[in-house]
Amino acid sequence: MTAAWTRSEGKSPTGGLNEKGRQSARAEGHNLKAPTKDSDNPRHKSFCERMTGMKRKLTGAAAAADPDSRINKSLKKWGC
């Protein structure tokens, strides 16, 4: 079986990973932390810039406009 962060049980319905997903990714050596909406946090600014650029370049028009797409849910959860 694959790690929880790659399956729906490790993904949050509101976007990103839930705690179980982050724990399974950490077990594989990833360094993941929970989302932050604090705009003074450098992680927040970096994430928003990186993911907004990914949304523009790597998603089609349908996914970019769909509020239920994973990238839009993550951007909303981070407050971008």
PDB file of N, CA and C in Angstrom:
ATOM      1  N   MET A   1       0.844  -1.183   0.000  1.00  0.00           N
ATOM      2  CA  MET A   1       0.000   0.000   0.000  1.00  0.00           C
ATOM      3  C   MET A   1       0.891   1.250   0.000  1.00  0.00           C
ATOM      4  N   THR A   2       0.428   2.275  -0.653  1.00  0.00           N
ATOM      5  CA  THR A   2       1.190   3.516  -0.729  1.00  0.00           C
ATOM      6  C   THR A   2       0.988   4.346   0.527  1.00  0.00           C
ATOM      7  N   ALA A   3       1.820   5.365   0.684  1.00  0.00           N
ATOM      8  CA  ALA A   3       1.757   6.237   1.863  1.00  0.00           C
ATOM      9  C   ALA A   3       0.444   7.021   1.885  1.00  0.00           C
ATOM     10  N   ALA A   4      -0.001   7.373   3.081  1.00  0.00           N
ATOM     11  CA  ALA A   4      -1.284   8.071   3.252  1.00  0.00           C
ATOM     12  C   ALA A   4      -1.303   9.416   2.542  1.00  0.00           C
ATOM     13  N   TRP A   5      -0.148  10.091   2.434  1.00  0.00           N
ATOM     14  CA  TRP A   5      -0.153  11.418   1.821  1.00  0.00           C
ATOM     15  C   TRP A   5      -0.442  11.353   0.330  1.00  0.00           C
ATOM     16  N   THR A   6      -0.326  10.171  -0.284  1.00  0.00           N
ATOM     17  CA  THR A   6      -0.630  10.023  -1.707  1.00  0.00           C
ATOM     18  C   THR A   6      -2.057   9.555  -1.947  1.00  0.00           C
ATOM     19  N   ARG A   7      -2.765   9.168  -0.887  1.00  0.00           N
ATOM     20  CA  ARG A   7      -4.141   8.683  -1.007  1.00  0.00           C
ATOM     21  C   ARG A   7      -5.107   9.708  -0.418  1.00  0.00           C
ATOM     22  N   SER A   8      -6.386   9.516  -0.674  1.00  0.00           N
ATOM     23  CA  SER A   8      -7.391  10.471  -0.213  1.00  0.00           C
ATOM     24  C   SER A   8      -7.466  10.545   1.311  1.00  0.00           C
ATOM     25  N   GLU A   9      -7.119   9.481   2.027  1.00  0.00           N
ATOM     26  CA  GLU A   9      -7.198   9.525   3.493  1.00  0.00           C
ATOM     27  C   GLU A   9      -6.170  10.461   4.111  1.00  0.00           C
ATOM     28  N   GLY A  10      -5.122  10.819   3.374  1.00  0.00           N
ATOM     29  CA  GLY A  10      -4.119  11.750   3.875  1.00  0.00           C
ATOM     30  C   GLY A  10      -4.309  13.167   3.392  1.00  0.00           C
ATOM     31  N   LYS A  11      -5.326  13.376   2.565  1.00  0.00           N
ATOM     32  CA  LYS A  11      -5.585  14.696   2.011  1.00  0.00           C
ATOM     33  C   LYS A  11      -6.776  15.335   2.705  1.00  0.00           C
ATOM     34  N   SER A  12      -6.671  16.605   2.965  1.00  0.00           N
ATOM     35  CA  SER A  12      -7.755  17.334   3.607  1.00  0.00           C
ATOM     36  C   SER A  12      -8.812  17.687   2.569  1.00  0.00           C
ATOM     37  N   PRO A  13     -10.080  17.554   2.894  1.00  0.00           N
ATOM     38  CA  PRO A  13     -11.127  17.932   1.940  1.00  0.00           C
ATOM     39  C   PRO A  13     -11.111  19.422   1.601  1.00  0.00           C
ATOM     40  N   THR A  14     -10.516  20.238   2.471  1.00  0.00           N
ATOM     41  CA  THR A  14     -10.455  21.673   2.201  1.00  0.00           C
ATOM     42  C   THR A  14      -9.153  22.090   1.541  1.00  0.00           C
ATOM     43  N   GLY A  15      -8.319  21.137   1.176  1.00  0.00           N
ATOM     44  CA  GLY A  15      -7.076  21.423   0.471  1.00  0.00           C
ATOM     45  C   GLY A  15      -5.851  21.080   1.280  1.00  0.00           C
ATOM     46  N   GLY A  16      -4.796  20.669   0.592  1.00  0.00           N
ATOM     47  CA  GLY A  16      -3.551  20.309   1.261  1.00  0.00           C
ATOM     48  C   GLY A  16      -3.629  18.953   1.931  1.00  0.00           C
ATOM     49  N   LEU A  17      -2.731  18.704   2.856  1.00  0.00           N
ATOM     50  CA  LEU A  17      -2.694  17.439   3.581  1.00  0.00           C
ATOM     51  C   LEU A  17      -3.239  17.611   4.984  1.00  0.00           C
ATOM     52  N   ASN A  18      -3.859  16.571   5.491  1.00  0.00           N
ATOM     53  CA  ASN A  18      -4.271  16.592   6.888  1.00  0.00           C
ATOM     54  C   ASN A  18      -3.100  16.092   7.736  1.00  0.00           C
ATOM     55  N   GLU A  19      -3.287  16.007   9.041  1.00  0.00           N
ATOM     56  CA  GLU A  19      -2.188  15.621   9.931  1.00  0.00           C
ATOM     57  C   GLU A  19      -1.689  14.211   9.614  1.00  0.00           C
ATOM     58  N   LYS A  20      -2.600  13.296   9.301  1.00  0.00           N
ATOM     59  CA  LYS A  20      -2.187  11.931   8.955  1.00  0.00           C
ATOM     60  C   LYS A  20      -1.309  11.940   7.698  1.00  0.00           C
ATOM     61  N   GLY A  21      -1.670  12.745   6.718  1.00  0.00           N
ATOM     62  CA  GLY A  21      -0.889  12.855   5.494  1.00  0.00           C
ATOM     63  C   GLY A  21       0.487  13.452   5.750  1.00  0.00           C
ATOM     64  N   ARG A  22       0.550  14.485   6.605  1.00  0.00           N
ATOM     65  CA  ARG A  22       1.850  15.085   6.932  1.00  0.00           C
ATOM     66  C   ARG A  22       2.734  14.101   7.680  1.00  0.00           C
ATOM     67  N   GLN A  23       2.143  13.313   8.589  1.00  0.00           N
ATOM     68  CA  GLN A  23       2.920  12.329   9.347  1.00  0.00           C
ATOM     69  C   GLN A  23       3.485  11.254   8.419  1.00  0.00           C
ATOM     70  N   SER A  24       2.700  10.799   7.449  1.00  0.00           N
ATOM     71  CA  SER A  24       3.196   9.765   6.539  1.00  0.00           C
ATOM     72  C   SER A  24       4.289  10.321   5.628  1.00  0.00           C
ATOM     73  N   ALA A  25       4.187  11.583   5.257  1.00  0.00           N
ATOM     74  CA  ALA A  25       5.225  12.198   4.430  1.00  0.00           C
ATOM     75  C   ALA A  25       6.506  12.384   5.248  1.00  0.00           C
ATOM     76  N   ARG A  26       6.360  12.761   6.524  1.00  0.00           N
ATOM     77  CA  ARG A  26       7.531  12.895   7.393  1.00  0.00           C
ATOM     78  C   ARG A  26       8.242  11.563   7.565  1.00  0.00           C
ATOM     79  N   ALA A  27       7.478  10.474   7.615  1.00  0.00           N
ATOM     80  CA  ALA A  27       8.068   9.143   7.761  1.00  0.00           C
ATOM     81  C   ALA A  27       8.935   8.786   6.550  1.00  0.00           C
ATOM     82  N   GLU A  28       8.649   9.396   5.405  1.00  0.00           N
ATOM     83  CA  GLU A  28       9.444   9.182   4.197  1.00  0.00           C
ATOM     84  C   GLU A  28      10.585  10.192   4.071  1.00  0.00           C
ATOM     85  N   GLY A  29      10.724  11.074   5.049  1.00  0.00           N
ATOM     86  CA  GLY A  29      11.825  12.030   5.037  1.00  0.00           C
ATOM     87  C   GLY A  29      11.474  13.426   4.580  1.00  0.00           C
ATOM     88  N   HIS A  30      10.203  13.694   4.289  1.00  0.00           N
ATOM     89  CA  HIS A  30       9.779  15.040   3.887  1.00  0.00           C
ATOM     90  C   HIS A  30       9.684  15.942   5.121  1.00  0.00           C
ATOM     91  N   ASN A  31       9.892  17.228   4.932  1.00  0.00           N
ATOM     92  CA  ASN A  31       9.804  18.190   6.025  1.00  0.00           C
ATOM     93  C   ASN A  31       8.590  19.079   5.783  1.00  0.00           C
ATOM     94  N   LEU A  32       7.430  18.631   6.245  1.00  0.00           N
ATOM     95  CA  LEU A  32       6.186  19.364   6.007  1.00  0.00           C
ATOM     96  C   LEU A  32       5.645  19.939   7.303  1.00  0.00           C
ATOM     97  N   LYS A  33       5.078  21.122   7.179  1.00  0.00           N
ATOM     98  CA  LYS A  33       4.454  21.787   8.319  1.00  0.00           C
ATOM     99  C   LYS A  33       3.038  22.170   7.927  1.00  0.00           C
ATOM    100  N   ALA A  34       2.205  22.450   8.906  1.00  0.00           N
ATOM    101  CA  ALA A  34       0.821  22.842   8.657  1.00  0.00           C
ATOM    102  C   ALA A  34       0.777  24.209   7.966  1.00  0.00           C
ATOM    103  N   PRO A  35      -0.308  24.501   7.224  1.00  0.00           N
ATOM    104  CA  PRO A  35      -0.437  25.809   6.574  1.00  0.00           C
ATOM    105  C   PRO A  35      -0.479  26.947   7.583  1.00  0.00           C
ATOM    106  N   THR A  36      -0.037  28.111   7.145  1.00  0.00           N
ATOM    107  CA  THR A  36      -0.094  29.310   7.981  1.00  0.00           C
ATOM    108  C   THR A  36      -0.760  30.429   7.187  1.00  0.00           C
ATOM    109  N   LYS A  37      -1.615  31.181   7.838  1.00  0.00           N
ATOM    110  CA  LYS A  37      -2.254  32.327   7.185  1.00  0.00           C
ATOM    111  C   LYS A  37      -1.603  33.636   7.609  1.00  0.00           C
ATOM    112  N   ASP A  38      -0.561  33.552   8.418  1.00  0.00           N
ATOM    113  CA  ASP A  38       0.161  34.733   8.882  1.00  0.00           C
ATOM    114  C   ASP A  38       0.991  35.293   7.733  1.00  0.00           C
ATOM    115  N   SER A  39       0.570  36.406   7.169  1.00  0.00           N
ATOM    116  CA  SER A  39       1.246  36.956   5.989  1.00  0.00           C
ATOM    117  C   SER A  39       2.650  37.463   6.298  1.00  0.00           C
ATOM    118  N   ASP A  40       3.014  37.619   7.580  1.00  0.00           N
ATOM    119  CA  ASP A  40       4.376  38.028   7.927  1.00  0.00           C
ATOM    120  C   ASP A  40       5.341  36.840   7.917  1.00  0.00           C
ATOM    121  N   ASN A  41       4.815  35.631   7.893  1.00  0.00           N
ATOM    122  CA  ASN A  41       5.638  34.431   7.891  1.00  0.00           C
ATOM    123  C   ASN A  41       6.265  34.251   6.503  1.00  0.00           C
ATOM    124  N   PRO A  42       7.590  34.073   6.416  1.00  0.00           N
ATOM    125  CA  PRO A  42       8.229  33.892   5.104  1.00  0.00           C
ATOM    126  C   PRO A  42       7.737  32.653   4.361  1.00  0.00           C
ATOM    127  N   ARG A  43       7.325  31.615   5.085  1.00  0.00           N
ATOM    128  CA  ARG A  43       6.783  30.417   4.442  1.00  0.00           C
ATOM    129  C   ARG A  43       5.504  30.747   3.686  1.00  0.00           C
ATOM    130  N   HIS A  44       4.693  31.627   4.267  1.00  0.00           N
ATOM    131  CA  HIS A  44       3.426  32.011   3.643  1.00  0.00           C
ATOM    132  C   HIS A  44       3.671  32.711   2.314  1.00  0.00           C
ATOM    133  N   LYS A  45       4.535  33.690   2.326  1.00  0.00           N
ATOM    134  CA  LYS A  45       4.825  34.447   1.106  1.00  0.00           C
ATOM    135  C   LYS A  45       5.417  33.548   0.028  1.00  0.00           C
ATOM    136  N   SER A  46       6.360  32.702   0.418  1.00  0.00           N
ATOM    137  CA  SER A  46       7.010  31.804  -0.530  1.00  0.00           C
ATOM    138  C   SER A  46       6.003  30.830  -1.143  1.00  0.00           C
ATOM    139  N   PHE A  47       5.160  30.231  -0.303  1.00  0.00           N
ATOM    140  CA  PHE A  47       4.172  29.277  -0.794  1.00  0.00           C
ATOM    141  C   PHE A  47       3.206  29.943  -1.766  1.00  0.00           C
ATOM    142  N   CYS A  48       2.687  31.097  -1.391  1.00  0.00           N
ATOM    143  CA  CYS A  48       1.711  31.783  -2.236  1.00  0.00           C
ATOM    144  C   CYS A  48       2.305  32.152  -3.600  1.00  0.00           C
ATOM    145  N   GLU A  49       3.512  32.652  -3.605  1.00  0.00           N
ATOM    146  CA  GLU A  49       4.145  33.011  -4.874  1.00  0.00           C
ATOM    147  C   GLU A  49       4.382  31.776  -5.741  1.00  0.00           C
ATOM    148  N   ARG A  50       4.896  30.715  -5.130  1.00  0.00           N
ATOM    149  CA  ARG A  50       5.213  29.496  -5.873  1.00  0.00           C
ATOM    150  C   ARG A  50       3.946  28.838  -6.425  1.00  0.00           C
ATOM    151  N   MET A  51       2.936  28.684  -5.598  1.00  0.00           N
ATOM    152  CA  MET A  51       1.722  27.995  -6.037  1.00  0.00           C
ATOM    153  C   MET A  51       0.900  28.827  -7.015  1.00  0.00           C
ATOM    154  N   THR A  52       0.890  30.143  -6.863  1.00  0.00           N
ATOM    155  CA  THR A  52       0.174  30.985  -7.820  1.00  0.00           C
ATOM    156  C   THR A  52       0.828  30.873  -9.194  1.00  0.00           C
ATOM    157  N   GLY A  53       2.159  30.828  -9.222  1.00  0.00           N
ATOM    158  CA  GLY A  53       2.866  30.632 -10.484  1.00  0.00           C
ATOM    159  C   GLY A  53       2.582  29.274 -11.091  1.00  0.00           C
ATOM    160  N   MET A  54       2.515  28.246 -10.260  1.00  0.00           N
ATOM    161  CA  MET A  54       2.188  26.906 -10.751  1.00  0.00           C
ATOM    162  C   MET A  54       0.784  26.873 -11.331  1.00  0.00           C
ATOM    163  N   LYS A  55      -0.128  27.550 -10.656  1.00  0.00           N
ATOM    164  CA  LYS A  55      -1.508  27.581 -11.135  1.00  0.00           C
ATOM    165  C   LYS A  55      -1.572  28.205 -12.527  1.00  0.00           C
ATOM    166  N   ARG A  56      -0.846  29.285 -12.706  1.00  0.00           N
ATOM    167  CA  ARG A  56      -0.848  29.965 -14.005  1.00  0.00           C
ATOM    168  C   ARG A  56      -0.231  29.104 -15.100  1.00  0.00           C
ATOM    169  N   LYS A  57       0.902  28.453 -14.796  1.00  0.00           N
ATOM    170  CA  LYS A  57       1.662  27.761 -15.838  1.00  0.00           C
ATOM    171  C   LYS A  57       1.277  26.296 -16.034  1.00  0.00           C
ATOM    172  N   LEU A  58       0.859  25.617 -14.981  1.00  0.00           N
ATOM    173  CA  LEU A  58       0.709  24.166 -15.075  1.00  0.00           C
ATOM    174  C   LEU A  58      -0.722  23.655 -15.086  1.00  0.00           C
ATOM    175  N   THR A  59      -1.708  24.508 -14.913  1.00  0.00           N
ATOM    176  CA  THR A  59      -3.084  24.030 -14.930  1.00  0.00           C
ATOM    177  C   THR A  59      -3.802  24.556 -16.152  1.00  0.00           C
ATOM    178  N   GLY A  60      -4.756  23.785 -16.605  1.00  0.00           N
ATOM    179  CA  GLY A  60      -5.582  24.216 -17.722  1.00  0.00           C
ATOM    180  C   GLY A  60      -6.638  25.198 -17.248  1.00  0.00           C
ATOM    181  N   ALA A  61      -7.378  25.734 -18.170  1.00  0.00           N
ATOM    182  CA  ALA A  61      -8.395  26.733 -17.842  1.00  0.00           C
ATOM    183  C   ALA A  61      -9.478  26.141 -16.941  1.00  0.00           C
ATOM    184  N   ALA A  62      -9.837  24.884 -17.180  1.00  0.00           N
ATOM    185  CA  ALA A  62     -10.893  24.256 -16.384  1.00  0.00           C
ATOM    186  C   ALA A  62     -10.461  24.098 -14.925  1.00  0.00           C
ATOM    187  N   ALA A  63      -9.243  23.605 -14.680  1.00  0.00           N
ATOM    188  CA  ALA A  63      -8.755  23.413 -13.309  1.00  0.00           C
ATOM    189  C   ALA A  63      -8.517  24.749 -12.617  1.00  0.00           C
ATOM    190  N   ALA A  64      -8.041  25.738 -13.345  1.00  0.00           N
ATOM    191  CA  ALA A  64      -7.775  27.046 -12.752  1.00  0.00           C
ATOM    192  C   ALA A  64      -9.063  27.725 -12.291  1.00  0.00           C
ATOM    193  N   ALA A  65     -10.166  27.460 -12.986  1.00  0.00           N
ATOM    194  CA  ALA A  65     -11.441  28.086 -12.640  1.00  0.00           C
ATOM    195  C   ALA A  65     -12.263  27.254 -11.654  1.00  0.00           C
ATOM    196  N   ASP A  66     -11.915  25.984 -11.490  1.00  0.00           N
ATOM    197  CA  ASP A  66     -12.694  25.069 -10.639  1.00  0.00           C
ATOM    198  C   ASP A  66     -12.366  25.294  -9.165  1.00  0.00           C
ATOM    199  N   PRO A  67     -13.333  25.698  -8.337  1.00  0.00           N
ATOM    200  CA  PRO A  67     -13.053  25.923  -6.921  1.00  0.00           C
ATOM    201  C   PRO A  67     -12.742  24.632  -6.166  1.00  0.00           C
ATOM    202  N   ASP A  68     -13.075  23.472  -6.743  1.00  0.00           N
ATOM    203  CA  ASP A  68     -12.797  22.197  -6.094  1.00  0.00           C
ATOM    204  C   ASP A  68     -11.483  21.567  -6.528  1.00  0.00           C
ATOM    205  N   SER A  69     -10.689  22.257  -7.358  1.00  0.00           N
ATOM    206  CA  SER A  69      -9.393  21.692  -7.746  1.00  0.00           C
ATOM    207  C   SER A  69      -8.439  21.766  -6.554  1.00  0.00           C
ATOM    208  N   ARG A  70      -7.498  20.827  -6.480  1.00  0.00           N
ATOM    209  CA  ARG A  70      -6.584  20.743  -5.344  1.00  0.00           C
ATOM    210  C   ARG A  70      -5.777  22.030  -5.180  1.00  0.00           C
ATOM    211  N   ILE A  71      -5.331  22.618  -6.287  1.00  0.00           N
ATOM    212  CA  ILE A  71      -4.489  23.816  -6.187  1.00  0.00           C
ATOM    213  C   ILE A  71      -5.303  24.996  -5.656  1.00  0.00           C
ATOM    214  N   ASN A  72      -6.551  25.143  -6.084  1.00  0.00           N
ATOM    215  CA  ASN A  72      -7.379  26.253  -5.593  1.00  0.00           C
ATOM    216  C   ASN A  72      -7.736  26.067  -4.128  1.00  0.00           C
ATOM    217  N   LYS A  73      -7.978  24.825  -3.715  1.00  0.00           N
ATOM    218  CA  LYS A  73      -8.262  24.563  -2.304  1.00  0.00           C
ATOM    219  C   LYS A  73      -7.045  24.900  -1.441  1.00  0.00           C
ATOM    220  N   SER A  74      -5.856  24.526  -1.904  1.00  0.00           N
ATOM    221  CA  SER A  74      -4.646  24.823  -1.133  1.00  0.00           C
ATOM    222  C   SER A  74      -4.400  26.329  -1.029  1.00  0.00           C
ATOM    223  N   LEU A  75      -4.559  27.036  -2.133  1.00  0.00           N
ATOM    224  CA  LEU A  75      -4.363  28.487  -2.112  1.00  0.00           C
ATOM    225  C   LEU A  75      -5.359  29.149  -1.169  1.00  0.00           C
ATOM    226  N   LYS A  76      -6.602  28.670  -1.158  1.00  0.00           N
ATOM    227  CA  LYS A  76      -7.611  29.234  -0.265  1.00  0.00           C
ATOM    228  C   LYS A  76      -7.266  28.941   1.195  1.00  0.00           C
ATOM    229  N   LYS A  77      -6.814  27.716   1.477  1.00  0.00           N
ATOM    230  CA  LYS A  77      -6.497  27.336   2.843  1.00  0.00           C
ATOM    231  C   LYS A  77      -5.331  28.163   3.380  1.00  0.00           C
ATOM    232  N   TRP A  78      -4.377  28.506   2.537  1.00  0.00           N
ATOM    233  CA  TRP A  78      -3.228  29.304   2.960  1.00  0.00           C
ATOM    234  C   TRP A  78      -3.576  30.793   2.995  1.00  0.00           C
ATOM    235  N   GLY A  79      -4.718  31.178   2.432  1.00  0.00           N
ATOM    236  CA  GLY A  79      -5.109  32.586   2.446  1.00  0.00           C
ATOM    237  C   GLY A  79      -4.399  33.391   1.373  1.00  0.00           C
ATOM    238  N   CYS A  80      -4.110  32.753   0.244  1.00  0.00           N
ATOM    239  CA  CYS A  80      -3.405  33.439  -0.854  1.00  0.00           C
ATOM    240  C   CYS A  80      -4.381  34.168  -1.757  1.00  0.00           C
TER     241      CYS A  80
END
